[in-house]
């Protein structure tokens, strides 16, 4: 039962409200009351600048990575990796949920993009880096973080299915299920962005573009 401690650890890691705490330390404001009112990296960058955004990037990536990593290490230490093959995947899901619904900040967190990247850097690094590269391409072309994030999640869903069919190293049914659930979850969290994109009111970086 010892490896199951990875599950509450994963949720608590995810619940670290990085953007909220950084904004309070840096400017003594609640970032959820400014800009897009989202407790995430993009809003911190827009409202406070690039310097406060750096610790948000580092912590949100790290907590996503370490949640499944700790689960894998506990599994290996107890020799239960075959019994609890699902444990790192569930830990990955809990850290994303903790990020979006943090118990340390009135259950109002971010959208989980960076944390999801961290999770898949631990579980499927090649897949994660491929999706990140696609995110970068979409961002350069569209200038919209939301479009890049939605597109990268869609790519995660498709590529994970392809990897499962072709039996890529490390890909299993649990990782496949996680990728589908997380991709849908993060895309749904961007519902307000999609509405703004439809109406041409979404804020982009650089020159504002209409959809």
N, C-alpha and C. Protein backbone atom coordinates (compact mmCIF):
# COMPACT_ATOMS: atom_id res chain seq x y z
N UNK A 1 0.82 -1.21 0.00
CA UNK A 1 0.00 0.00 0.00
C UNK A 1 0.86 1.27 0.00
N UNK A 2 2.14 1.16 0.37
CA UNK A 2 3.01 2.32 0.47
C UNK A 2 3.06 3.14 -0.82
N UNK A 3 3.17 2.53 -2.00
CA UNK A 3 3.21 3.33 -3.23
C UNK A 3 1.97 4.19 -3.45
N UNK A 4 0.84 3.82 -2.84
CA UNK A 4 -0.38 4.59 -3.03
C UNK A 4 -0.29 5.98 -2.41
N UNK A 5 0.72 6.21 -1.57
CA UNK A 5 0.94 7.55 -1.04
C UNK A 5 1.25 8.55 -2.16
N UNK A 6 1.66 8.02 -3.31
CA UNK A 6 1.96 8.89 -4.45
C UNK A 6 0.73 9.67 -4.91
N UNK A 7 -0.47 9.14 -4.65
CA UNK A 7 -1.69 9.79 -5.13
C UNK A 7 -2.00 11.09 -4.39
N UNK A 8 -2.09 11.08 -3.03
CA UNK A 8 -2.28 12.37 -2.36
C UNK A 8 -1.11 13.33 -2.57
N UNK A 9 0.10 12.79 -2.68
CA UNK A 9 1.26 13.64 -2.96
C UNK A 9 1.08 14.35 -4.30
N UNK A 10 0.58 13.61 -5.31
CA UNK A 10 0.39 14.19 -6.64
C UNK A 10 -0.63 15.32 -6.59
N UNK A 11 -1.74 15.09 -5.90
CA UNK A 11 -2.76 16.16 -5.84
C UNK A 11 -2.22 17.38 -5.11
N UNK A 12 -1.50 17.18 -4.01
CA UNK A 12 -0.96 18.30 -3.25
C UNK A 12 0.11 19.05 -4.05
N UNK A 13 0.91 18.32 -4.80
CA UNK A 13 1.87 18.98 -5.68
C UNK A 13 1.15 19.86 -6.70
N UNK A 14 0.13 19.29 -7.32
CA UNK A 14 -0.64 20.04 -8.30
C UNK A 14 -1.31 21.25 -7.70
N UNK A 15 -1.68 21.15 -6.42
CA UNK A 15 -2.41 22.22 -5.76
C UNK A 15 -1.55 23.43 -5.40
N UNK A 16 -0.24 23.33 -5.58
CA UNK A 16 0.60 24.50 -5.35
C UNK A 16 0.18 25.59 -6.33
N UNK A 17 -0.44 26.67 -5.86
CA UNK A 17 -0.97 27.70 -6.77
C UNK A 17 0.12 28.70 -7.17
N UNK A 18 1.01 28.26 -8.01
CA UNK A 18 2.22 29.02 -8.33
C UNK A 18 1.92 30.44 -8.76
N UNK A 19 1.03 30.59 -9.74
CA UNK A 19 0.72 31.92 -10.28
C UNK A 19 0.14 32.82 -9.20
N UNK A 20 -0.73 32.27 -8.35
CA UNK A 20 -1.36 33.06 -7.28
C UNK A 20 -0.30 33.52 -6.29
N UNK A 21 0.57 32.62 -5.86
CA UNK A 21 1.58 32.97 -4.86
C UNK A 21 2.62 33.94 -5.43
N UNK A 22 3.05 33.70 -6.67
CA UNK A 22 4.05 34.59 -7.29
C UNK A 22 3.49 36.01 -7.40
N UNK A 23 2.23 36.13 -7.83
CA UNK A 23 1.62 37.46 -7.97
C UNK A 23 1.50 38.16 -6.61
N UNK A 24 1.18 37.39 -5.57
CA UNK A 24 1.08 37.99 -4.24
C UNK A 24 2.44 38.44 -3.73
N UNK A 25 3.46 37.63 -3.96
CA UNK A 25 4.81 37.98 -3.51
C UNK A 25 5.36 39.16 -4.31
N UNK A 26 5.15 39.13 -5.62
CA UNK A 26 5.75 40.13 -6.50
C UNK A 26 5.02 41.46 -6.47
N UNK A 27 3.68 41.44 -6.45
CA UNK A 27 2.91 42.68 -6.55
C UNK A 27 1.82 42.83 -5.49
N UNK A 28 1.69 41.80 -4.63
CA UNK A 28 0.64 41.81 -3.60
C UNK A 28 -0.75 41.93 -4.22
N UNK A 29 -0.98 41.20 -5.31
CA UNK A 29 -2.30 41.19 -5.94
C UNK A 29 -2.76 39.75 -6.11
N UNK A 30 -4.06 39.58 -6.31
CA UNK A 30 -4.62 38.27 -6.66
C UNK A 30 -4.73 38.23 -8.19
N UNK A 31 -3.91 37.44 -8.81
CA UNK A 31 -3.84 37.41 -10.27
C UNK A 31 -5.19 37.02 -10.88
N UNK A 32 -6.05 36.38 -10.09
CA UNK A 32 -7.36 35.96 -10.58
C UNK A 32 -8.35 37.12 -10.67
N UNK A 33 -7.90 38.30 -10.30
CA UNK A 33 -8.75 39.49 -10.41
C UNK A 33 -8.25 40.45 -11.49
N UNK A 34 -7.24 40.02 -12.25
CA UNK A 34 -6.64 40.88 -13.27
C UNK A 34 -6.53 40.14 -14.60
N UNK A 35 -6.45 40.92 -15.67
CA UNK A 35 -6.27 40.33 -16.99
C UNK A 35 -7.40 39.39 -17.35
N UNK A 36 -7.02 38.17 -17.75
CA UNK A 36 -8.02 37.16 -18.11
C UNK A 36 -8.62 36.50 -16.88
N UNK A 37 -8.07 36.84 -15.70
CA UNK A 37 -8.51 36.27 -14.40
C UNK A 37 -8.18 34.78 -14.26
N UNK A 38 -7.27 34.31 -15.09
CA UNK A 38 -6.83 32.92 -15.01
C UNK A 38 -5.54 32.85 -14.20
N UNK A 39 -5.46 31.85 -13.32
CA UNK A 39 -4.26 31.68 -12.48
C UNK A 39 -3.24 30.83 -13.21
N UNK A 40 -2.73 31.36 -14.32
CA UNK A 40 -1.79 30.61 -15.13
C UNK A 40 -0.67 31.48 -15.66
N UNK A 41 0.25 30.84 -16.37
CA UNK A 41 1.45 31.51 -16.86
C UNK A 41 1.15 32.69 -17.77
N UNK A 42 0.26 32.51 -18.75
CA UNK A 42 0.01 33.56 -19.72
C UNK A 42 -0.50 34.83 -19.06
N UNK A 43 -1.40 34.68 -18.10
CA UNK A 43 -1.95 35.85 -17.42
C UNK A 43 -0.89 36.53 -16.56
N UNK A 44 -0.05 35.74 -15.90
CA UNK A 44 1.05 36.31 -15.13
C UNK A 44 1.98 37.10 -16.04
N UNK A 45 2.29 36.54 -17.20
CA UNK A 45 3.19 37.22 -18.14
C UNK A 45 2.58 38.54 -18.62
N UNK A 46 1.29 38.51 -18.96
CA UNK A 46 0.64 39.73 -19.48
C UNK A 46 0.51 40.81 -18.40
N UNK A 47 0.17 40.40 -17.19
CA UNK A 47 -0.10 41.37 -16.13
C UNK A 47 1.18 41.84 -15.45
N UNK A 48 2.12 40.92 -15.20
CA UNK A 48 3.29 41.24 -14.38
C UNK A 48 4.61 41.26 -15.13
N UNK A 49 4.67 40.65 -16.33
CA UNK A 49 5.91 40.64 -17.08
C UNK A 49 6.62 39.30 -17.04
N UNK A 50 7.79 39.26 -17.69
CA UNK A 50 8.46 37.97 -17.89
C UNK A 50 9.20 37.46 -16.65
N UNK A 51 9.68 38.37 -15.79
CA UNK A 51 10.44 37.91 -14.62
C UNK A 51 9.58 37.08 -13.66
N UNK A 52 8.39 37.53 -13.27
CA UNK A 52 7.54 36.67 -12.42
C UNK A 52 7.06 35.42 -13.15
N UNK A 53 7.06 35.46 -14.49
CA UNK A 53 6.59 34.29 -15.23
C UNK A 53 7.58 33.13 -15.14
N UNK A 54 8.86 33.43 -14.94
CA UNK A 54 9.88 32.37 -14.91
C UNK A 54 9.66 31.36 -13.79
N UNK A 55 9.45 31.78 -12.53
CA UNK A 55 9.18 30.77 -11.49
C UNK A 55 7.88 30.01 -11.73
N UNK A 56 6.90 30.64 -12.37
CA UNK A 56 5.66 29.92 -12.69
C UNK A 56 5.95 28.78 -13.67
N UNK A 57 6.75 29.07 -14.68
CA UNK A 57 7.15 28.03 -15.65
C UNK A 57 7.86 26.89 -14.92
N UNK A 58 8.85 27.25 -14.11
CA UNK A 58 9.68 26.23 -13.45
C UNK A 58 8.87 25.35 -12.52
N UNK A 59 8.05 25.95 -11.67
CA UNK A 59 7.31 25.18 -10.66
C UNK A 59 6.20 24.36 -11.30
N UNK A 60 5.45 24.96 -12.24
CA UNK A 60 4.34 24.22 -12.85
C UNK A 60 4.83 23.03 -13.68
N UNK A 61 5.96 23.20 -14.36
CA UNK A 61 6.56 22.07 -15.07
C UNK A 61 7.05 21.01 -14.09
N UNK A 62 7.73 21.46 -13.03
CA UNK A 62 8.32 20.53 -12.07
C UNK A 62 7.25 19.71 -11.35
N UNK A 63 6.17 20.35 -10.94
CA UNK A 63 5.15 19.58 -10.20
C UNK A 63 4.48 18.56 -11.12
N UNK A 64 4.30 18.92 -12.40
CA UNK A 64 3.76 17.94 -13.34
C UNK A 64 4.69 16.77 -13.55
N UNK A 65 5.99 17.05 -13.61
CA UNK A 65 6.98 15.99 -13.82
C UNK A 65 7.10 15.09 -12.60
N UNK A 66 7.20 15.68 -11.42
CA UNK A 66 7.52 14.90 -10.23
C UNK A 66 6.35 14.06 -9.72
N UNK A 67 5.11 14.43 -10.06
CA UNK A 67 3.98 13.61 -9.59
C UNK A 67 4.06 12.17 -10.12
N UNK A 68 4.15 11.94 -11.44
CA UNK A 68 4.31 10.56 -11.91
C UNK A 68 5.69 9.99 -11.61
N UNK A 69 6.71 10.84 -11.56
CA UNK A 69 8.07 10.36 -11.27
C UNK A 69 8.13 9.76 -9.87
N UNK A 70 7.55 10.44 -8.89
CA UNK A 70 7.52 9.91 -7.52
C UNK A 70 6.75 8.59 -7.48
N UNK A 71 5.64 8.52 -8.21
CA UNK A 71 4.87 7.27 -8.26
C UNK A 71 5.70 6.14 -8.84
N UNK A 72 6.46 6.42 -9.89
CA UNK A 72 7.31 5.38 -10.50
C UNK A 72 8.40 4.95 -9.54
N UNK A 73 8.99 5.90 -8.82
CA UNK A 73 10.05 5.56 -7.88
C UNK A 73 9.53 4.73 -6.70
N UNK A 74 8.36 5.10 -6.19
CA UNK A 74 7.77 4.33 -5.09
C UNK A 74 7.42 2.92 -5.55
N UNK A 75 6.91 2.82 -6.77
CA UNK A 75 6.61 1.51 -7.34
C UNK A 75 7.87 0.64 -7.41
N UNK A 76 8.94 1.25 -7.93
CA UNK A 76 10.19 0.50 -8.09
C UNK A 76 10.78 0.11 -6.74
N UNK A 77 10.71 1.01 -5.77
CA UNK A 77 11.27 0.73 -4.45
C UNK A 77 10.56 -0.42 -3.75
N UNK A 78 9.25 -0.52 -3.98
CA UNK A 78 8.47 -1.56 -3.32
C UNK A 78 8.33 -2.82 -4.18
N UNK A 79 8.86 -2.76 -5.42
CA UNK A 79 8.75 -3.91 -6.32
C UNK A 79 7.33 -4.19 -6.76
N UNK A 80 6.51 -3.14 -6.85
CA UNK A 80 5.10 -3.31 -7.20
C UNK A 80 4.75 -2.69 -8.55
N UNK A 81 5.76 -2.44 -9.36
CA UNK A 81 5.52 -1.73 -10.63
C UNK A 81 4.56 -2.49 -11.54
N UNK A 82 4.61 -3.82 -11.48
CA UNK A 82 3.71 -4.62 -12.32
C UNK A 82 2.28 -4.61 -11.76
N UNK A 83 2.17 -4.55 -10.43
CA UNK A 83 0.86 -4.54 -9.79
C UNK A 83 0.17 -3.19 -9.98
N UNK A 84 0.96 -2.14 -9.80
CA UNK A 84 0.41 -0.78 -9.87
C UNK A 84 0.89 -0.05 -11.12
N UNK A 85 0.75 -0.68 -12.27
CA UNK A 85 1.17 -0.04 -13.52
C UNK A 85 0.41 1.27 -13.76
N UNK A 86 -0.78 1.35 -13.23
CA UNK A 86 -1.63 2.52 -13.43
C UNK A 86 -1.26 3.68 -12.53
N UNK A 87 -0.43 3.44 -11.52
CA UNK A 87 -0.20 4.45 -10.48
C UNK A 87 0.41 5.75 -11.03
N UNK A 88 1.47 5.71 -11.84
CA UNK A 88 2.03 6.97 -12.35
C UNK A 88 1.02 7.74 -13.21
N UNK A 89 0.17 7.02 -13.92
CA UNK A 89 -0.83 7.66 -14.78
C UNK A 89 -1.89 8.38 -13.94
N UNK A 90 -2.38 7.71 -12.91
CA UNK A 90 -3.37 8.33 -12.03
C UNK A 90 -2.74 9.52 -11.30
N UNK A 91 -1.48 9.39 -10.91
CA UNK A 91 -0.77 10.51 -10.29
C UNK A 91 -0.70 11.69 -11.26
N UNK A 92 -0.45 11.39 -12.54
CA UNK A 92 -0.43 12.45 -13.55
C UNK A 92 -1.77 13.14 -13.68
N UNK A 93 -2.84 12.37 -13.61
CA UNK A 93 -4.19 12.95 -13.71
C UNK A 93 -4.49 13.81 -12.48
N UNK A 94 -4.07 13.34 -11.30
CA UNK A 94 -4.35 14.07 -10.07
C UNK A 94 -3.57 15.38 -9.98
N UNK A 95 -2.36 15.39 -10.51
CA UNK A 95 -1.58 16.62 -10.44
C UNK A 95 -2.19 17.70 -11.34
N UNK A 96 -2.74 17.29 -12.48
CA UNK A 96 -3.41 18.25 -13.37
C UNK A 96 -4.70 18.75 -12.71
N UNK A 97 -5.46 17.84 -12.10
CA UNK A 97 -6.67 18.25 -11.40
C UNK A 97 -6.35 19.17 -10.23
N UNK A 98 -5.27 18.85 -9.50
CA UNK A 98 -4.86 19.70 -8.40
C UNK A 98 -4.49 21.10 -8.87
N UNK A 99 -3.83 21.17 -10.02
CA UNK A 99 -3.45 22.47 -10.58
C UNK A 99 -4.69 23.30 -10.93
N UNK A 100 -5.68 22.66 -11.52
CA UNK A 100 -6.87 23.38 -11.97
C UNK A 100 -7.87 23.64 -10.86
N UNK A 101 -7.89 22.76 -9.87
CA UNK A 101 -8.81 22.90 -8.74
C UNK A 101 -8.02 22.79 -7.44
N UNK A 102 -7.23 23.82 -7.17
CA UNK A 102 -6.31 23.76 -6.04
C UNK A 102 -7.01 24.00 -4.71
N UNK A 103 -6.79 23.11 -3.78
CA UNK A 103 -7.38 23.25 -2.45
C UNK A 103 -6.71 24.36 -1.65
N UNK A 104 -5.58 24.89 -2.15
CA UNK A 104 -4.85 25.94 -1.45
C UNK A 104 -5.22 27.34 -1.93
N UNK A 105 -6.13 27.44 -2.88
CA UNK A 105 -6.54 28.75 -3.40
C UNK A 105 -7.99 28.73 -3.85
N UNK A 106 -8.86 28.26 -2.96
CA UNK A 106 -10.31 28.25 -3.18
C UNK A 106 -10.71 27.49 -4.45
N UNK A 107 -9.95 26.47 -4.79
CA UNK A 107 -10.25 25.58 -5.91
C UNK A 107 -10.34 26.32 -7.26
N UNK A 108 -9.63 27.45 -7.34
CA UNK A 108 -9.59 28.20 -8.60
C UNK A 108 -8.14 28.26 -9.08
N UNK A 109 -7.80 27.38 -10.02
CA UNK A 109 -6.43 27.31 -10.51
C UNK A 109 -6.33 27.61 -11.98
N UNK A 110 -5.27 27.10 -12.60
CA UNK A 110 -5.01 27.35 -14.01
C UNK A 110 -5.61 26.29 -14.91
N UNK A 111 -5.19 26.33 -16.18
CA UNK A 111 -5.78 25.43 -17.18
C UNK A 111 -4.98 24.14 -17.37
N UNK A 112 -3.79 24.07 -16.82
CA UNK A 112 -3.07 22.80 -16.77
C UNK A 112 -2.16 22.49 -17.94
N UNK A 113 -1.88 23.46 -18.80
CA UNK A 113 -1.06 23.17 -19.98
C UNK A 113 0.37 22.83 -19.60
N UNK A 114 1.01 23.70 -18.82
CA UNK A 114 2.39 23.45 -18.41
C UNK A 114 2.51 22.21 -17.55
N UNK A 115 1.56 22.01 -16.65
CA UNK A 115 1.60 20.84 -15.77
C UNK A 115 1.44 19.56 -16.58
N UNK A 116 0.57 19.60 -17.59
CA UNK A 116 0.40 18.44 -18.47
C UNK A 116 1.70 18.14 -19.21
N UNK A 117 2.37 19.18 -19.69
CA UNK A 117 3.67 18.98 -20.35
C UNK A 117 4.64 18.29 -19.40
N UNK A 118 4.68 18.73 -18.14
CA UNK A 118 5.56 18.10 -17.16
C UNK A 118 5.23 16.63 -16.94
N UNK A 119 3.94 16.31 -16.88
CA UNK A 119 3.50 14.93 -16.69
C UNK A 119 4.03 14.04 -17.81
N UNK A 120 3.87 14.49 -19.05
CA UNK A 120 4.27 13.65 -20.18
C UNK A 120 5.78 13.68 -20.42
N UNK A 121 6.47 14.68 -19.90
CA UNK A 121 7.94 14.63 -19.92
C UNK A 121 8.43 13.47 -19.06
N UNK A 122 7.69 13.15 -18.01
CA UNK A 122 8.04 12.01 -17.16
C UNK A 122 7.62 10.68 -17.77
N UNK A 123 6.44 10.65 -18.39
CA UNK A 123 5.87 9.39 -18.88
C UNK A 123 6.28 9.07 -20.31
N UNK A 124 6.26 10.08 -21.18
CA UNK A 124 6.54 9.89 -22.60
C UNK A 124 7.27 11.13 -23.12
N UNK A 125 8.58 11.27 -22.82
CA UNK A 125 9.28 12.51 -23.15
C UNK A 125 9.30 12.87 -24.63
N UNK A 126 9.45 11.88 -25.51
CA UNK A 126 9.47 12.18 -26.95
C UNK A 126 8.13 12.72 -27.40
N UNK A 127 7.05 12.08 -26.94
CA UNK A 127 5.71 12.55 -27.25
C UNK A 127 5.50 13.96 -26.72
N UNK A 128 5.95 14.21 -25.49
CA UNK A 128 5.78 15.54 -24.88
C UNK A 128 6.53 16.61 -25.67
N UNK A 129 7.76 16.33 -26.05
CA UNK A 129 8.56 17.31 -26.78
C UNK A 129 8.01 17.55 -28.18
N UNK A 130 7.45 16.51 -28.79
CA UNK A 130 6.83 16.67 -30.11
C UNK A 130 5.62 17.60 -30.01
N UNK A 131 4.79 17.39 -29.01
CA UNK A 131 3.62 18.24 -28.83
C UNK A 131 4.03 19.67 -28.48
N UNK A 132 5.11 19.82 -27.70
CA UNK A 132 5.59 21.15 -27.37
C UNK A 132 6.10 21.87 -28.62
N UNK A 133 6.79 21.14 -29.48
CA UNK A 133 7.26 21.74 -30.74
C UNK A 133 6.07 22.19 -31.59
N UNK A 134 5.01 21.38 -31.59
CA UNK A 134 3.81 21.75 -32.34
C UNK A 134 3.16 22.98 -31.72
N UNK A 135 3.16 23.04 -30.38
CA UNK A 135 2.67 24.23 -29.68
C UNK A 135 3.43 25.47 -30.14
N UNK A 136 4.77 25.35 -30.17
CA UNK A 136 5.60 26.47 -30.59
C UNK A 136 5.30 26.91 -32.01
N UNK A 137 5.12 25.96 -32.90
CA UNK A 137 4.80 26.28 -34.30
C UNK A 137 3.47 27.02 -34.40
N UNK A 138 2.46 26.52 -33.71
CA UNK A 138 1.14 27.18 -33.75
C UNK A 138 1.20 28.58 -33.14
N UNK A 139 1.98 28.73 -32.09
CA UNK A 139 2.09 30.04 -31.46
C UNK A 139 2.76 31.05 -32.39
N UNK A 140 3.83 30.62 -33.05
CA UNK A 140 4.53 31.51 -33.98
C UNK A 140 3.62 31.92 -35.13
N UNK A 141 2.83 30.98 -35.62
CA UNK A 141 1.96 31.25 -36.78
C UNK A 141 0.76 32.11 -36.39
N UNK A 142 0.12 31.81 -35.24
CA UNK A 142 -1.15 32.47 -34.90
C UNK A 142 -0.99 33.62 -33.90
N UNK A 143 0.07 33.59 -33.09
CA UNK A 143 0.29 34.56 -32.01
C UNK A 143 -0.70 34.39 -30.85
N UNK A 144 -1.41 33.29 -30.83
CA UNK A 144 -2.36 33.03 -29.74
C UNK A 144 -1.89 31.85 -28.91
N UNK A 145 -1.69 32.07 -27.60
CA UNK A 145 -1.33 30.98 -26.71
C UNK A 145 -2.45 29.95 -26.64
N UNK A 146 -3.69 30.43 -26.63
CA UNK A 146 -4.84 29.53 -26.53
C UNK A 146 -4.92 28.58 -27.73
N UNK A 147 -4.71 29.12 -28.91
CA UNK A 147 -4.75 28.28 -30.12
C UNK A 147 -3.63 27.24 -30.07
N UNK A 148 -2.43 27.68 -29.66
CA UNK A 148 -1.30 26.76 -29.56
C UNK A 148 -1.58 25.67 -28.54
N UNK A 149 -2.18 26.03 -27.40
CA UNK A 149 -2.45 25.05 -26.34
C UNK A 149 -3.52 24.05 -26.77
N UNK A 150 -4.58 24.54 -27.39
CA UNK A 150 -5.64 23.65 -27.87
C UNK A 150 -5.10 22.71 -28.94
N UNK A 151 -4.32 23.26 -29.87
CA UNK A 151 -3.74 22.43 -30.94
C UNK A 151 -2.78 21.39 -30.40
N UNK A 152 -1.97 21.77 -29.40
CA UNK A 152 -1.02 20.82 -28.83
C UNK A 152 -1.74 19.68 -28.11
N UNK A 153 -2.85 20.01 -27.44
CA UNK A 153 -3.64 18.96 -26.77
C UNK A 153 -4.28 18.01 -27.78
N UNK A 154 -4.75 18.57 -28.89
CA UNK A 154 -5.30 17.74 -29.96
C UNK A 154 -4.21 16.83 -30.52
N UNK A 155 -3.01 17.38 -30.69
CA UNK A 155 -1.88 16.58 -31.17
C UNK A 155 -1.52 15.48 -30.18
N UNK A 156 -1.57 15.79 -28.89
CA UNK A 156 -1.30 14.78 -27.86
C UNK A 156 -2.28 13.62 -27.99
N UNK A 157 -3.55 13.93 -28.17
CA UNK A 157 -4.56 12.90 -28.29
C UNK A 157 -4.30 12.00 -29.50
N UNK A 158 -3.98 12.61 -30.64
CA UNK A 158 -3.78 11.85 -31.87
C UNK A 158 -2.49 11.04 -31.81
N UNK A 159 -1.39 11.68 -31.41
CA UNK A 159 -0.09 10.99 -31.40
C UNK A 159 -0.05 9.85 -30.39
N UNK A 160 -0.69 10.04 -29.24
CA UNK A 160 -0.71 8.96 -28.25
C UNK A 160 -1.45 7.74 -28.80
N UNK A 161 -2.51 7.97 -29.54
CA UNK A 161 -3.25 6.85 -30.15
C UNK A 161 -2.38 6.14 -31.19
N UNK A 162 -1.65 6.93 -31.99
CA UNK A 162 -0.75 6.35 -33.00
C UNK A 162 0.35 5.55 -32.31
N UNK A 163 0.93 6.11 -31.25
CA UNK A 163 1.99 5.41 -30.52
C UNK A 163 1.48 4.10 -29.91
N UNK A 164 0.24 4.11 -29.44
CA UNK A 164 -0.32 2.90 -28.85
C UNK A 164 -0.52 1.82 -29.92
N UNK A 165 -1.04 2.23 -31.07
CA UNK A 165 -1.27 1.27 -32.17
C UNK A 165 0.04 0.65 -32.62
N UNK A 166 1.09 1.48 -32.71
CA UNK A 166 2.39 0.98 -33.20
C UNK A 166 3.31 0.53 -32.07
N UNK A 167 2.77 0.43 -30.85
CA UNK A 167 3.47 -0.12 -29.70
C UNK A 167 4.81 0.57 -29.44
N UNK A 168 4.76 1.90 -29.38
CA UNK A 168 5.96 2.67 -29.07
C UNK A 168 6.44 2.34 -27.66
N UNK A 169 7.72 2.49 -27.44
CA UNK A 169 8.31 2.15 -26.15
C UNK A 169 7.69 2.98 -25.03
N UNK A 170 7.23 2.32 -23.98
CA UNK A 170 6.67 3.00 -22.82
C UNK A 170 5.19 3.34 -22.94
N UNK A 171 4.62 3.19 -24.12
CA UNK A 171 3.20 3.51 -24.29
C UNK A 171 2.35 2.30 -23.91
N UNK A 172 1.38 2.51 -23.06
CA UNK A 172 0.46 1.44 -22.67
C UNK A 172 -0.95 2.01 -22.61
N UNK A 173 -1.89 1.16 -22.31
CA UNK A 173 -3.30 1.58 -22.32
C UNK A 173 -3.57 2.66 -21.28
N UNK A 174 -2.83 2.62 -20.15
CA UNK A 174 -3.05 3.63 -19.11
C UNK A 174 -2.59 5.01 -19.56
N UNK A 175 -1.44 5.08 -20.20
CA UNK A 175 -0.94 6.36 -20.72
C UNK A 175 -1.85 6.87 -21.82
N UNK A 176 -2.34 5.95 -22.65
CA UNK A 176 -3.27 6.34 -23.72
C UNK A 176 -4.54 6.97 -23.12
N UNK A 177 -5.11 6.32 -22.13
CA UNK A 177 -6.33 6.85 -21.49
C UNK A 177 -6.06 8.20 -20.86
N UNK A 178 -4.91 8.32 -20.18
CA UNK A 178 -4.56 9.60 -19.56
C UNK A 178 -4.46 10.71 -20.61
N UNK A 179 -3.80 10.42 -21.72
CA UNK A 179 -3.62 11.44 -22.75
C UNK A 179 -4.95 11.92 -23.30
N UNK A 180 -5.90 10.99 -23.48
CA UNK A 180 -7.22 11.38 -24.01
C UNK A 180 -7.99 12.21 -22.99
N UNK A 181 -7.97 11.79 -21.73
CA UNK A 181 -8.71 12.51 -20.69
C UNK A 181 -8.13 13.90 -20.48
N UNK A 182 -6.81 13.97 -20.36
CA UNK A 182 -6.16 15.25 -20.10
C UNK A 182 -6.33 16.20 -21.28
N UNK A 183 -6.20 15.68 -22.50
CA UNK A 183 -6.37 16.52 -23.69
C UNK A 183 -7.77 17.14 -23.72
N UNK A 184 -8.78 16.31 -23.49
CA UNK A 184 -10.16 16.82 -23.49
C UNK A 184 -10.35 17.82 -22.34
N UNK A 185 -9.82 17.50 -21.17
CA UNK A 185 -9.97 18.37 -20.01
C UNK A 185 -9.37 19.75 -20.27
N UNK A 186 -8.14 19.80 -20.79
CA UNK A 186 -7.48 21.08 -21.02
C UNK A 186 -8.19 21.87 -22.12
N UNK A 187 -8.64 21.19 -23.16
CA UNK A 187 -9.37 21.88 -24.23
C UNK A 187 -10.66 22.49 -23.69
N UNK A 188 -11.39 21.72 -22.88
CA UNK A 188 -12.64 22.23 -22.28
C UNK A 188 -12.35 23.44 -21.39
N UNK A 189 -11.21 23.41 -20.68
CA UNK A 189 -10.83 24.55 -19.84
C UNK A 189 -10.60 25.82 -20.66
N UNK A 190 -10.39 25.66 -21.97
CA UNK A 190 -10.19 26.80 -22.87
C UNK A 190 -11.49 27.23 -23.55
N UNK A 191 -12.62 26.83 -23.00
CA UNK A 191 -13.90 27.15 -23.63
C UNK A 191 -14.08 28.66 -23.80
N UNK A 192 -13.76 29.43 -22.75
CA UNK A 192 -13.90 30.89 -22.84
C UNK A 192 -12.99 31.47 -23.91
N UNK A 193 -11.80 30.89 -24.04
CA UNK A 193 -10.88 31.36 -25.09
C UNK A 193 -11.45 31.09 -26.47
N UNK A 194 -12.08 29.93 -26.63
CA UNK A 194 -12.65 29.58 -27.93
C UNK A 194 -13.79 30.53 -28.30
N UNK A 195 -14.57 30.93 -27.29
CA UNK A 195 -15.65 31.90 -27.53
C UNK A 195 -15.05 33.23 -27.99
N UNK A 196 -13.98 33.67 -27.31
CA UNK A 196 -13.34 34.93 -27.69
C UNK A 196 -12.69 34.83 -29.06
N UNK A 197 -12.12 33.68 -29.37
CA UNK A 197 -11.55 33.50 -30.71
C UNK A 197 -12.63 33.60 -31.78
N UNK A 198 -13.78 33.01 -31.50
CA UNK A 198 -14.89 33.04 -32.45
C UNK A 198 -15.35 34.48 -32.71
N UNK A 199 -15.37 35.28 -31.64
CA UNK A 199 -15.83 36.67 -31.77
C UNK A 199 -14.70 37.63 -32.14
N UNK A 200 -13.47 37.11 -32.26
CA UNK A 200 -12.35 37.96 -32.62
C UNK A 200 -11.88 38.87 -31.52
N UNK A 201 -12.13 38.51 -30.26
CA UNK A 201 -11.75 39.37 -29.14
C UNK A 201 -10.64 38.77 -28.28
N UNK A 202 -10.11 37.64 -28.68
CA UNK A 202 -9.03 37.01 -27.93
C UNK A 202 -7.75 37.84 -28.05
N UNK A 203 -7.04 38.01 -26.93
CA UNK A 203 -5.79 38.75 -26.93
C UNK A 203 -4.66 37.87 -27.43
N UNK A 204 -3.94 38.36 -28.42
CA UNK A 204 -2.77 37.65 -28.93
C UNK A 204 -1.51 38.42 -28.61
N UNK A 205 -0.37 37.80 -28.85
CA UNK A 205 0.91 38.48 -28.67
C UNK A 205 1.31 39.13 -29.98
N UNK A 206 1.76 40.38 -29.90
CA UNK A 206 2.10 41.07 -31.12
C UNK A 206 0.82 41.64 -31.74
N UNK A 207 0.77 41.63 -33.04
CA UNK A 207 -0.39 42.17 -33.75
C UNK A 207 -1.60 41.29 -33.50
N UNK A 208 -2.72 41.91 -33.12
CA UNK A 208 -3.96 41.17 -32.87
C UNK A 208 -4.53 40.67 -34.20
N UNK A 209 -4.91 39.41 -34.24
CA UNK A 209 -5.44 38.82 -35.47
C UNK A 209 -6.87 38.38 -35.27
N UNK A 210 -7.63 38.47 -36.29
CA UNK A 210 -9.01 37.96 -36.23
C UNK A 210 -9.05 36.55 -36.76
N UNK A 211 -9.97 35.74 -36.21
CA UNK A 211 -10.10 34.37 -36.68
C UNK A 211 -10.90 34.34 -37.97
